[in-house]
Amino acid sequence: MPAKKINMKRKKLDGQERPSPRFDADGIDRLKKLEQEIITLRASLQSERDKLLEECPDPMDVLVGAVAEQSVAFPVSLIQEVLPRVYLSSVPEAPAYLTGYLNWRGVPVPVIDPAARWGEAPLPVRLEDRIVVFVRPEGPRALLLSRVEQIARVSKSQLGRIPPEIPAGPYALALWYAGDRNILLISPDRLIDPAELAKYEIA
């Protein structure tokens, strides 16, 4: 009786045998170190969120709107004005998140696209778009929204922590649920970086 052949299992790619990947001890240690760094960064981010939330009034009036399909909200106390989409002066070689500059009462105001800021496709131009102007120490700054819905009042007891898989999470302080959707409480300070914008200022 002929000897039975032993089938050695190997991964194949394009008809060629490839050995199964192996991780040495150093590689495993690097992965563990990276995982620990991510955990530490998330804990630091949550600690910063908690401190900022402590400074917010309870309850808090917020402007609710949307960036693409993500519902968002901003503290009303930080908002100077809400405008329809108007002409914006473009800036050569600017990053995708800098949509352009708004001429607001004779002052050039940078307008940030939050979707592009957190790594998604830039918002398309639509009649429903709104520009929200915020009061900041370095001068007025603005964010582009897909739409503005209402002013709502939210208490801190309604707010929960943000799951790490939400792209806009690093720019938000907390979230709450309204029906079947989540609403992110966005921090304008996280979206608007004065040092970055200074490179693209126009007169």
N, C-alpha and C. Protein backbone atom coordinates (compact mmCIF):
# COMPACT_ATOMS: atom_id res chain seq x y z
N MET A 1 0.87 -1.20 0.00
CA MET A 1 0.00 0.00 0.00
C MET A 1 0.90 1.24 0.00
N PRO A 2 0.68 2.12 -0.97
CA PRO A 2 1.56 3.29 -1.04
C PRO A 2 1.41 4.19 0.17
N ALA A 3 2.49 4.84 0.52
CA ALA A 3 2.46 5.76 1.67
C ALA A 3 1.54 6.93 1.39
N LYS A 4 0.80 7.34 2.39
CA LYS A 4 -0.13 8.45 2.25
C LYS A 4 0.63 9.77 2.28
N LYS A 5 0.36 10.60 1.30
CA LYS A 5 1.05 11.89 1.24
C LYS A 5 0.49 12.86 2.27
N ILE A 6 1.39 13.57 2.87
CA ILE A 6 0.98 14.58 3.85
C ILE A 6 0.86 15.91 3.14
N ASN A 7 -0.29 16.56 3.26
CA ASN A 7 -0.54 17.84 2.60
C ASN A 7 -0.16 18.98 3.54
N MET A 8 0.94 19.66 3.23
CA MET A 8 1.39 20.78 4.05
C MET A 8 0.61 22.02 3.63
N LYS A 9 -0.15 22.61 4.53
CA LYS A 9 -0.99 23.76 4.21
C LYS A 9 -0.15 25.02 4.14
N ARG A 10 -0.22 25.69 3.01
CA ARG A 10 0.46 26.97 2.85
C ARG A 10 -0.47 27.91 2.11
N LYS A 11 -0.32 29.18 2.35
CA LYS A 11 -1.12 30.17 1.64
C LYS A 11 -0.60 30.33 0.23
N LYS A 12 -1.50 30.47 -0.72
CA LYS A 12 -1.11 30.65 -2.10
C LYS A 12 -1.56 32.02 -2.60
N LEU A 13 -0.74 32.63 -3.43
CA LEU A 13 -1.05 33.93 -4.01
C LEU A 13 -0.58 33.92 -5.45
N ASP A 14 -1.52 34.14 -6.39
CA ASP A 14 -1.19 34.12 -7.82
C ASP A 14 -0.54 32.80 -8.23
N GLY A 15 -1.02 31.69 -7.64
CA GLY A 15 -0.52 30.38 -8.02
C GLY A 15 0.80 30.00 -7.40
N GLN A 16 1.39 30.90 -6.61
CA GLN A 16 2.69 30.63 -6.00
C GLN A 16 2.53 30.44 -4.50
N GLU A 17 3.28 29.51 -3.97
CA GLU A 17 3.21 29.24 -2.55
C GLU A 17 3.88 30.35 -1.75
N ARG A 18 3.23 30.76 -0.68
CA ARG A 18 3.79 31.77 0.21
C ARG A 18 3.80 31.23 1.63
N PRO A 19 4.87 31.39 2.32
CA PRO A 19 4.88 30.93 3.72
C PRO A 19 3.97 31.79 4.58
N SER A 20 3.39 31.18 5.58
CA SER A 20 2.53 31.92 6.50
C SER A 20 3.35 32.96 7.24
N PRO A 21 2.76 34.17 7.47
CA PRO A 21 3.52 35.22 8.16
C PRO A 21 3.84 34.83 9.59
N ARG A 22 5.01 35.22 10.05
CA ARG A 22 5.42 34.95 11.41
C ARG A 22 5.85 36.25 12.09
N PHE A 23 5.53 36.35 13.34
CA PHE A 23 5.93 37.52 14.13
C PHE A 23 6.97 37.07 15.15
N ASP A 24 8.11 37.74 15.11
CA ASP A 24 9.11 37.42 16.11
C ASP A 24 8.78 38.14 17.41
N ALA A 25 9.57 37.87 18.41
CA ALA A 25 9.31 38.46 19.73
C ALA A 25 9.37 39.98 19.69
N ASP A 26 10.32 40.53 18.91
CA ASP A 26 10.43 41.99 18.82
C ASP A 26 9.18 42.59 18.18
N GLY A 27 8.66 41.93 17.13
CA GLY A 27 7.46 42.43 16.46
C GLY A 27 6.26 42.43 17.38
N ILE A 28 6.11 41.38 18.17
CA ILE A 28 4.99 41.30 19.11
C ILE A 28 5.12 42.39 20.17
N ASP A 29 6.34 42.62 20.64
CA ASP A 29 6.56 43.68 21.64
C ASP A 29 6.21 45.05 21.08
N ARG A 30 6.56 45.27 19.79
CA ARG A 30 6.24 46.56 19.17
C ARG A 30 4.73 46.75 19.05
N LEU A 31 4.02 45.68 18.70
CA LEU A 31 2.56 45.76 18.60
C LEU A 31 1.94 46.06 19.96
N LYS A 32 2.43 45.40 20.99
CA LYS A 32 1.90 45.64 22.34
C LYS A 32 2.18 47.09 22.78
N LYS A 33 3.37 47.57 22.43
CA LYS A 33 3.71 48.96 22.79
C LYS A 33 2.81 49.94 22.07
N LEU A 34 2.54 49.67 20.78
CA LEU A 34 1.66 50.55 20.00
C LEU A 34 0.24 50.54 20.57
N GLU A 35 -0.24 49.36 20.94
CA GLU A 35 -1.57 49.27 21.54
C GLU A 35 -1.65 50.08 22.84
N GLN A 36 -0.59 50.00 23.64
CA GLN A 36 -0.57 50.74 24.90
C GLN A 36 -0.55 52.24 24.65
N GLU A 37 0.20 52.68 23.63
CA GLU A 37 0.24 54.10 23.28
C GLU A 37 -1.13 54.60 22.87
N ILE A 38 -1.86 53.79 22.10
CA ILE A 38 -3.21 54.17 21.67
C ILE A 38 -4.13 54.29 22.87
N ILE A 39 -4.04 53.34 23.79
CA ILE A 39 -4.87 53.39 25.00
C ILE A 39 -4.56 54.64 25.81
N THR A 40 -3.27 54.98 25.92
CA THR A 40 -2.86 56.17 26.67
C THR A 40 -3.37 57.44 26.01
N LEU A 41 -3.28 57.51 24.68
CA LEU A 41 -3.75 58.69 23.95
C LEU A 41 -5.26 58.86 24.12
N ARG A 42 -6.00 57.77 24.04
CA ARG A 42 -7.45 57.84 24.22
C ARG A 42 -7.82 58.30 25.62
N ALA A 43 -7.09 57.81 26.60
CA ALA A 43 -7.35 58.22 27.99
C ALA A 43 -7.05 59.71 28.16
N SER A 44 -5.97 60.19 27.55
CA SER A 44 -5.61 61.61 27.63
C SER A 44 -6.67 62.47 26.96
N LEU A 45 -7.16 62.02 25.80
CA LEU A 45 -8.19 62.76 25.08
C LEU A 45 -9.47 62.82 25.89
N GLN A 46 -9.85 61.70 26.52
CA GLN A 46 -11.07 61.69 27.33
C GLN A 46 -10.94 62.59 28.54
N SER A 47 -9.75 62.61 29.15
CA SER A 47 -9.52 63.48 30.31
C SER A 47 -9.68 64.95 29.92
N GLU A 48 -9.16 65.31 28.74
CA GLU A 48 -9.28 66.68 28.26
C GLU A 48 -10.75 67.02 27.97
N ARG A 49 -11.46 66.06 27.37
CA ARG A 49 -12.89 66.28 27.12
C ARG A 49 -13.64 66.54 28.43
N ASP A 50 -13.36 65.73 29.44
CA ASP A 50 -14.07 65.85 30.72
C ASP A 50 -13.82 67.23 31.33
N LYS A 51 -12.59 67.73 31.23
CA LYS A 51 -12.28 69.05 31.79
C LYS A 51 -13.05 70.15 31.07
N LEU A 52 -13.12 70.06 29.74
CA LEU A 52 -13.84 71.07 28.97
C LEU A 52 -15.34 71.01 29.25
N LEU A 53 -15.87 69.81 29.43
CA LEU A 53 -17.30 69.68 29.73
C LEU A 53 -17.64 70.26 31.10
N GLU A 54 -16.71 70.18 32.03
CA GLU A 54 -16.95 70.75 33.35
C GLU A 54 -17.18 72.25 33.28
N GLU A 55 -16.57 72.90 32.29
CA GLU A 55 -16.71 74.35 32.14
C GLU A 55 -18.00 74.75 31.44
N CYS A 56 -18.70 73.79 30.86
CA CYS A 56 -19.94 74.09 30.15
C CYS A 56 -21.11 74.23 31.11
N PRO A 57 -22.07 75.12 30.81
CA PRO A 57 -23.24 75.24 31.68
C PRO A 57 -24.11 73.99 31.62
N ASP A 58 -24.93 73.80 32.62
CA ASP A 58 -25.82 72.65 32.67
C ASP A 58 -27.20 73.10 33.16
N PRO A 59 -28.24 73.07 32.27
CA PRO A 59 -28.22 72.60 30.88
C PRO A 59 -27.52 73.61 29.95
N MET A 60 -27.34 73.19 28.71
CA MET A 60 -26.60 74.00 27.74
C MET A 60 -27.43 74.15 26.47
N ASP A 61 -27.52 75.38 25.96
CA ASP A 61 -28.18 75.63 24.68
C ASP A 61 -27.20 75.38 23.54
N VAL A 62 -27.62 74.59 22.57
CA VAL A 62 -26.73 74.24 21.46
C VAL A 62 -27.45 74.44 20.12
N LEU A 63 -26.67 74.75 19.10
CA LEU A 63 -27.17 74.81 17.74
C LEU A 63 -26.96 73.44 17.11
N VAL A 64 -28.04 72.81 16.65
CA VAL A 64 -27.96 71.48 16.06
C VAL A 64 -28.00 71.59 14.54
N GLY A 65 -27.09 70.88 13.89
CA GLY A 65 -27.04 70.86 12.43
C GLY A 65 -26.44 69.56 11.96
N ALA A 66 -25.84 69.59 10.78
CA ALA A 66 -25.26 68.37 10.24
C ALA A 66 -24.05 68.70 9.37
N VAL A 67 -23.10 67.79 9.38
CA VAL A 67 -21.97 67.80 8.45
C VAL A 67 -22.07 66.50 7.66
N ALA A 68 -22.50 66.62 6.40
CA ALA A 68 -22.84 65.43 5.61
C ALA A 68 -23.93 64.67 6.37
N GLU A 69 -23.69 63.39 6.71
CA GLU A 69 -24.69 62.59 7.40
C GLU A 69 -24.52 62.59 8.92
N GLN A 70 -23.49 63.27 9.41
CA GLN A 70 -23.24 63.29 10.85
C GLN A 70 -23.94 64.48 11.50
N SER A 71 -24.82 64.22 12.45
CA SER A 71 -25.46 65.30 13.21
C SER A 71 -24.46 65.87 14.21
N VAL A 72 -24.44 67.19 14.29
CA VAL A 72 -23.48 67.87 15.16
C VAL A 72 -24.19 68.98 15.93
N ALA A 73 -23.54 69.46 16.98
CA ALA A 73 -24.07 70.57 17.76
C ALA A 73 -22.92 71.40 18.30
N PHE A 74 -23.20 72.70 18.50
CA PHE A 74 -22.21 73.64 19.01
C PHE A 74 -22.85 74.50 20.10
N PRO A 75 -22.11 74.81 21.16
CA PRO A 75 -22.65 75.70 22.19
C PRO A 75 -23.04 77.06 21.58
N VAL A 76 -24.25 77.49 21.85
CA VAL A 76 -24.75 78.77 21.30
C VAL A 76 -23.89 79.93 21.79
N SER A 77 -23.37 79.82 22.99
CA SER A 77 -22.58 80.91 23.56
C SER A 77 -21.33 81.23 22.76
N LEU A 78 -20.88 80.30 21.91
CA LEU A 78 -19.66 80.52 21.12
C LEU A 78 -19.95 81.07 19.73
N ILE A 79 -21.23 81.13 19.36
CA ILE A 79 -21.61 81.48 17.99
C ILE A 79 -21.91 82.97 17.86
N GLN A 80 -21.34 83.58 16.85
CA GLN A 80 -21.58 84.98 16.57
C GLN A 80 -22.72 85.17 15.56
N GLU A 81 -22.73 84.35 14.50
CA GLU A 81 -23.73 84.52 13.46
C GLU A 81 -23.81 83.26 12.59
N VAL A 82 -25.00 83.02 12.00
CA VAL A 82 -25.18 81.93 11.05
C VAL A 82 -25.57 82.55 9.71
N LEU A 83 -24.84 82.19 8.65
CA LEU A 83 -25.02 82.81 7.34
C LEU A 83 -25.33 81.75 6.29
N PRO A 84 -26.01 82.13 5.21
CA PRO A 84 -26.15 81.21 4.07
C PRO A 84 -24.81 81.05 3.37
N ARG A 85 -24.71 80.05 2.53
CA ARG A 85 -23.47 79.85 1.77
C ARG A 85 -23.30 81.01 0.80
N VAL A 86 -22.16 81.68 0.88
CA VAL A 86 -21.87 82.81 0.01
C VAL A 86 -20.52 82.56 -0.68
N TYR A 87 -20.12 83.49 -1.50
CA TYR A 87 -18.83 83.35 -2.21
C TYR A 87 -17.69 83.34 -1.20
N LEU A 88 -16.77 82.42 -1.41
CA LEU A 88 -15.57 82.31 -0.57
C LEU A 88 -14.34 82.45 -1.45
N SER A 89 -13.41 83.28 -1.01
CA SER A 89 -12.16 83.44 -1.75
C SER A 89 -11.28 82.22 -1.52
N SER A 90 -10.83 81.61 -2.60
CA SER A 90 -9.99 80.43 -2.48
C SER A 90 -8.56 80.81 -2.12
N VAL A 91 -7.84 79.86 -1.55
CA VAL A 91 -6.46 80.08 -1.13
C VAL A 91 -5.58 79.06 -1.86
N PRO A 92 -4.62 79.50 -2.67
CA PRO A 92 -3.76 78.57 -3.39
C PRO A 92 -3.00 77.65 -2.44
N GLU A 93 -2.93 76.37 -2.79
CA GLU A 93 -2.18 75.36 -2.06
C GLU A 93 -2.66 75.17 -0.62
N ALA A 94 -3.89 75.57 -0.34
CA ALA A 94 -4.45 75.37 1.00
C ALA A 94 -4.89 73.92 1.16
N PRO A 95 -4.90 73.41 2.38
CA PRO A 95 -5.39 72.04 2.60
C PRO A 95 -6.88 71.94 2.28
N ALA A 96 -7.35 70.72 2.05
CA ALA A 96 -8.74 70.51 1.63
C ALA A 96 -9.74 71.03 2.65
N TYR A 97 -9.37 71.03 3.93
CA TYR A 97 -10.33 71.45 4.95
C TYR A 97 -10.53 72.97 4.99
N LEU A 98 -9.63 73.74 4.36
CA LEU A 98 -9.80 75.19 4.32
C LEU A 98 -10.57 75.53 3.05
N THR A 99 -11.89 75.68 3.19
CA THR A 99 -12.75 75.91 2.03
C THR A 99 -12.46 77.23 1.35
N GLY A 100 -12.11 78.24 2.12
CA GLY A 100 -11.82 79.56 1.58
C GLY A 100 -12.01 80.62 2.65
N TYR A 101 -12.02 81.87 2.21
CA TYR A 101 -12.19 82.99 3.14
C TYR A 101 -13.50 83.72 2.86
N LEU A 102 -14.20 84.01 3.94
CA LEU A 102 -15.45 84.76 3.90
C LEU A 102 -15.17 86.23 4.21
N ASN A 103 -15.76 87.13 3.41
CA ASN A 103 -15.68 88.56 3.72
C ASN A 103 -16.82 88.88 4.67
N TRP A 104 -16.48 88.91 5.96
CA TRP A 104 -17.49 89.10 6.99
C TRP A 104 -17.31 90.48 7.61
N ARG A 105 -18.19 91.40 7.23
CA ARG A 105 -18.14 92.78 7.74
C ARG A 105 -16.78 93.41 7.48
N GLY A 106 -16.24 93.13 6.31
CA GLY A 106 -14.97 93.70 5.91
C GLY A 106 -13.75 92.97 6.44
N VAL A 107 -13.96 91.87 7.16
CA VAL A 107 -12.86 91.10 7.74
C VAL A 107 -12.78 89.74 7.05
N PRO A 108 -11.58 89.33 6.56
CA PRO A 108 -11.44 88.00 5.96
C PRO A 108 -11.48 86.93 7.05
N VAL A 109 -12.42 85.99 6.92
CA VAL A 109 -12.61 84.95 7.93
C VAL A 109 -12.41 83.58 7.29
N PRO A 110 -11.46 82.77 7.80
CA PRO A 110 -11.28 81.43 7.25
C PRO A 110 -12.48 80.54 7.55
N VAL A 111 -12.88 79.74 6.56
CA VAL A 111 -14.02 78.84 6.70
C VAL A 111 -13.50 77.40 6.61
N ILE A 112 -13.74 76.63 7.66
CA ILE A 112 -13.25 75.26 7.77
C ILE A 112 -14.36 74.28 7.39
N ASP A 113 -14.00 73.30 6.58
CA ASP A 113 -14.91 72.20 6.25
C ASP A 113 -14.66 71.07 7.25
N PRO A 114 -15.57 70.84 8.20
CA PRO A 114 -15.32 69.80 9.21
C PRO A 114 -15.16 68.40 8.63
N ALA A 115 -15.93 68.09 7.57
CA ALA A 115 -15.84 66.75 6.99
C ALA A 115 -14.42 66.47 6.49
N ALA A 116 -13.86 67.42 5.75
CA ALA A 116 -12.48 67.26 5.27
C ALA A 116 -11.50 67.25 6.43
N ARG A 117 -11.81 67.99 7.47
CA ARG A 117 -10.91 68.07 8.64
C ARG A 117 -10.77 66.71 9.31
N TRP A 118 -11.88 65.97 9.39
CA TRP A 118 -11.77 64.67 10.06
C TRP A 118 -11.62 63.50 9.08
N GLY A 119 -11.18 63.82 7.85
CA GLY A 119 -10.72 62.78 6.94
C GLY A 119 -11.71 62.25 5.94
N GLU A 120 -12.89 62.89 5.84
CA GLU A 120 -13.87 62.46 4.86
C GLU A 120 -13.83 63.37 3.63
N ALA A 121 -14.66 63.07 2.63
CA ALA A 121 -14.68 63.88 1.41
C ALA A 121 -15.17 65.29 1.73
N PRO A 122 -14.60 66.32 1.10
CA PRO A 122 -15.08 67.69 1.32
C PRO A 122 -16.56 67.82 0.98
N LEU A 123 -17.24 68.72 1.67
CA LEU A 123 -18.67 68.92 1.44
C LEU A 123 -18.90 69.54 0.06
N PRO A 124 -19.89 69.02 -0.69
CA PRO A 124 -20.22 69.64 -1.98
C PRO A 124 -20.94 70.97 -1.76
N VAL A 125 -20.92 71.83 -2.76
CA VAL A 125 -21.60 73.12 -2.66
C VAL A 125 -23.09 72.90 -2.83
N ARG A 126 -23.90 73.37 -1.84
CA ARG A 126 -25.36 73.20 -1.86
C ARG A 126 -26.02 74.47 -1.35
N LEU A 127 -27.24 74.73 -1.82
CA LEU A 127 -27.97 75.90 -1.35
C LEU A 127 -28.30 75.81 0.13
N GLU A 128 -28.42 74.58 0.63
CA GLU A 128 -28.77 74.39 2.04
C GLU A 128 -27.59 74.63 2.98
N ASP A 129 -26.39 74.75 2.44
CA ASP A 129 -25.20 74.95 3.28
C ASP A 129 -25.34 76.19 4.15
N ARG A 130 -24.74 76.12 5.32
CA ARG A 130 -24.70 77.27 6.21
C ARG A 130 -23.28 77.47 6.72
N ILE A 131 -22.94 78.72 6.97
CA ILE A 131 -21.64 79.09 7.52
C ILE A 131 -21.87 79.64 8.93
N VAL A 132 -21.22 79.01 9.91
CA VAL A 132 -21.39 79.41 11.31
C VAL A 132 -20.12 80.15 11.75
N VAL A 133 -20.29 81.40 12.14
CA VAL A 133 -19.15 82.24 12.55
C VAL A 133 -19.03 82.17 14.07
N PHE A 134 -17.80 81.89 14.53
CA PHE A 134 -17.54 81.75 15.97
C PHE A 134 -16.66 82.89 16.47
N VAL A 135 -16.87 83.24 17.72
CA VAL A 135 -16.04 84.24 18.39
C VAL A 135 -14.82 83.52 18.98
N ARG A 136 -13.63 84.04 18.64
CA ARG A 136 -12.40 83.44 19.16
C ARG A 136 -11.41 84.54 19.53
N PRO A 137 -10.47 84.26 20.43
CA PRO A 137 -9.50 85.29 20.85
C PRO A 137 -8.70 85.87 19.69
N GLU A 138 -8.35 85.04 18.70
CA GLU A 138 -7.53 85.51 17.58
C GLU A 138 -8.37 86.15 16.47
N GLY A 139 -9.68 86.24 16.68
CA GLY A 139 -10.56 86.82 15.67
C GLY A 139 -11.63 85.83 15.23
N PRO A 140 -12.60 86.29 14.45
CA PRO A 140 -13.67 85.39 14.02
C PRO A 140 -13.16 84.27 13.12
N ARG A 141 -13.73 83.08 13.31
CA ARG A 141 -13.44 81.91 12.49
C ARG A 141 -14.78 81.24 12.17
N ALA A 142 -14.83 80.48 11.08
CA ALA A 142 -16.13 79.93 10.67
C ALA A 142 -16.02 78.46 10.29
N LEU A 143 -17.14 77.76 10.43
CA LEU A 143 -17.26 76.36 10.02
C LEU A 143 -18.39 76.23 9.01
N LEU A 144 -18.21 75.32 8.07
CA LEU A 144 -19.20 75.06 7.04
C LEU A 144 -20.06 73.86 7.46
N LEU A 145 -21.38 74.01 7.42
CA LEU A 145 -22.29 72.93 7.76
C LEU A 145 -23.18 72.60 6.56
N SER A 146 -23.61 71.35 6.47
CA SER A 146 -24.53 70.95 5.41
C SER A 146 -25.91 71.54 5.63
N ARG A 147 -26.28 71.70 6.88
CA ARG A 147 -27.56 72.33 7.21
C ARG A 147 -27.58 72.69 8.69
N VAL A 148 -28.47 73.61 9.03
CA VAL A 148 -28.74 73.98 10.41
C VAL A 148 -30.19 73.65 10.70
N GLU A 149 -30.44 73.01 11.83
CA GLU A 149 -31.79 72.53 12.12
C GLU A 149 -32.53 73.33 13.19
N GLN A 150 -31.93 73.44 14.38
CA GLN A 150 -32.65 74.05 15.49
C GLN A 150 -31.71 74.37 16.63
N ILE A 151 -32.24 75.13 17.58
CA ILE A 151 -31.54 75.32 18.85
C ILE A 151 -32.21 74.41 19.88
N ALA A 152 -31.40 73.63 20.56
CA ALA A 152 -31.91 72.68 21.54
C ALA A 152 -31.23 72.90 22.88
N ARG A 153 -31.81 72.34 23.91
CA ARG A 153 -31.22 72.42 25.25
C ARG A 153 -30.89 71.00 25.69
N VAL A 154 -29.64 70.80 26.09
CA VAL A 154 -29.19 69.47 26.49
C VAL A 154 -28.55 69.55 27.86
N SER A 155 -28.84 68.57 28.69
CA SER A 155 -28.23 68.51 30.03
C SER A 155 -27.03 67.57 30.00
N LYS A 156 -26.14 67.75 30.94
CA LYS A 156 -24.94 66.92 30.98
C LYS A 156 -25.28 65.45 31.23
N SER A 157 -26.40 65.20 31.89
CA SER A 157 -26.78 63.81 32.16
C SER A 157 -27.13 63.06 30.88
N GLN A 158 -27.44 63.79 29.81
CA GLN A 158 -27.75 63.15 28.53
C GLN A 158 -26.49 62.78 27.75
N LEU A 159 -25.38 63.38 28.10
CA LEU A 159 -24.16 63.23 27.32
C LEU A 159 -23.43 61.94 27.66
N GLY A 160 -22.91 61.29 26.62
CA GLY A 160 -22.15 60.07 26.80
C GLY A 160 -20.81 60.14 26.10
N ARG A 161 -20.01 59.13 26.30
CA ARG A 161 -18.68 59.08 25.69
C ARG A 161 -18.79 58.68 24.22
N ILE A 162 -17.75 59.04 23.47
CA ILE A 162 -17.76 58.87 22.02
C ILE A 162 -17.04 57.57 21.65
N PRO A 163 -17.69 56.68 20.90
CA PRO A 163 -17.00 55.46 20.45
C PRO A 163 -15.80 55.82 19.56
N PRO A 164 -14.70 55.08 19.67
CA PRO A 164 -13.49 55.43 18.92
C PRO A 164 -13.64 55.30 17.41
N GLU A 165 -14.65 54.54 16.94
CA GLU A 165 -14.78 54.33 15.50
C GLU A 165 -15.44 55.50 14.76
N ILE A 166 -15.95 56.50 15.48
CA ILE A 166 -16.57 57.65 14.83
C ILE A 166 -15.47 58.59 14.33
N PRO A 167 -15.40 58.88 13.01
CA PRO A 167 -14.30 59.70 12.46
C PRO A 167 -14.19 61.08 13.10
N ALA A 168 -15.34 61.67 13.44
CA ALA A 168 -15.33 63.02 14.01
C ALA A 168 -15.02 63.02 15.50
N GLY A 169 -14.86 61.85 16.08
CA GLY A 169 -14.68 61.74 17.52
C GLY A 169 -13.58 62.61 18.12
N PRO A 170 -12.38 62.67 17.52
CA PRO A 170 -11.32 63.48 18.12
C PRO A 170 -11.63 64.98 18.19
N TYR A 171 -12.64 65.43 17.45
CA TYR A 171 -12.99 66.85 17.43
C TYR A 171 -14.23 67.16 18.26
N ALA A 172 -14.71 66.16 18.99
CA ALA A 172 -15.94 66.31 19.75
C ALA A 172 -15.68 66.12 21.24
N LEU A 173 -16.64 66.61 22.05
CA LEU A 173 -16.53 66.49 23.50
C LEU A 173 -17.38 65.35 24.05
N ALA A 174 -18.51 65.11 23.41
CA ALA A 174 -19.44 64.09 23.89
C ALA A 174 -20.50 63.87 22.82
N LEU A 175 -21.41 62.93 23.08
CA LEU A 175 -22.53 62.74 22.17
C LEU A 175 -23.78 62.40 22.98
N TRP A 176 -24.92 62.57 22.34
CA TRP A 176 -26.18 62.10 22.91
C TRP A 176 -27.05 61.60 21.76
N TYR A 177 -28.09 60.90 22.12
CA TYR A 177 -28.95 60.28 21.12
C TYR A 177 -30.30 60.99 21.08
N ALA A 178 -30.77 61.21 19.84
CA ALA A 178 -32.11 61.77 19.60
C ALA A 178 -32.79 60.83 18.61
N GLY A 179 -33.67 59.98 19.11
CA GLY A 179 -34.26 58.97 18.24
C GLY A 179 -33.22 57.94 17.85
N ASP A 180 -33.08 57.73 16.54
CA ASP A 180 -32.13 56.72 16.07
C ASP A 180 -30.81 57.32 15.60
N ARG A 181 -30.54 58.56 15.91
CA ARG A 181 -29.29 59.19 15.47
C ARG A 181 -28.50 59.70 16.67
N ASN A 182 -27.18 59.73 16.50
CA ASN A 182 -26.34 60.34 17.53
C ASN A 182 -25.97 61.75 17.10
N ILE A 183 -25.85 62.63 18.07
CA ILE A 183 -25.48 64.03 17.83
C ILE A 183 -24.18 64.29 18.58
N LEU A 184 -23.18 64.74 17.85
CA LEU A 184 -21.88 65.03 18.45
C LEU A 184 -21.80 66.47 18.90
N LEU A 185 -21.41 66.67 20.14
CA LEU A 185 -21.13 68.02 20.64
C LEU A 185 -19.70 68.36 20.23
N ILE A 186 -19.58 69.23 19.23
CA ILE A 186 -18.28 69.53 18.63
C ILE A 186 -17.59 70.67 19.37
N SER A 187 -16.28 70.55 19.50
CA SER A 187 -15.46 71.62 20.05
C SER A 187 -14.84 72.42 18.90
N PRO A 188 -15.26 73.67 18.66
CA PRO A 188 -14.64 74.47 17.59
C PRO A 188 -13.13 74.61 17.76
N ASP A 189 -12.67 74.64 19.02
CA ASP A 189 -11.23 74.77 19.26
C ASP A 189 -10.44 73.62 18.65
N ARG A 190 -11.03 72.45 18.62
CA ARG A 190 -10.33 71.28 18.06
C ARG A 190 -10.29 71.34 16.54
N LEU A 191 -11.32 71.93 15.93
CA LEU A 191 -11.38 72.01 14.48
C LEU A 191 -10.57 73.17 13.92
N ILE A 192 -10.45 74.23 14.69
CA ILE A 192 -9.82 75.45 14.22
C ILE A 192 -8.47 75.62 14.91
N ASP A 193 -7.40 75.36 14.17
CA ASP A 193 -6.05 75.46 14.72
C ASP A 193 -5.42 76.77 14.24
N PRO A 194 -5.23 77.76 15.12
CA PRO A 194 -4.68 79.06 14.70
C PRO A 194 -3.31 78.95 14.06
N ALA A 195 -2.46 78.05 14.58
CA ALA A 195 -1.11 77.91 14.03
C ALA A 195 -1.15 77.42 12.58
N GLU A 196 -2.05 76.49 12.28
CA GLU A 196 -2.16 75.99 10.91
C GLU A 196 -2.73 77.06 9.99
N LEU A 197 -3.77 77.74 10.44
CA LEU A 197 -4.42 78.75 9.60
C LEU A 197 -3.53 79.94 9.33
N ALA A 198 -2.60 80.21 10.23
CA ALA A 198 -1.71 81.37 10.05
C ALA A 198 -0.88 81.26 8.77
N LYS A 199 -0.65 80.03 8.30
CA LYS A 199 0.14 79.82 7.08
C LYS A 199 -0.62 80.30 5.83
N TYR A 200 -1.95 80.41 5.95
CA TYR A 200 -2.76 80.68 4.76
C TYR A 200 -3.57 81.97 4.90
N GLU A 201 -3.17 82.85 5.80
CA GLU A 201 -3.90 84.10 6.01
C GLU A 201 -3.85 84.98 4.76
N ILE A 202 -4.96 85.68 4.53
CA ILE A 202 -5.00 86.65 3.43
C ILE A 202 -5.36 88.01 4.01
N ALA A 203 -4.96 89.04 3.32
CA ALA A 203 -5.21 90.40 3.82
C ALA A 203 -6.63 90.81 3.51
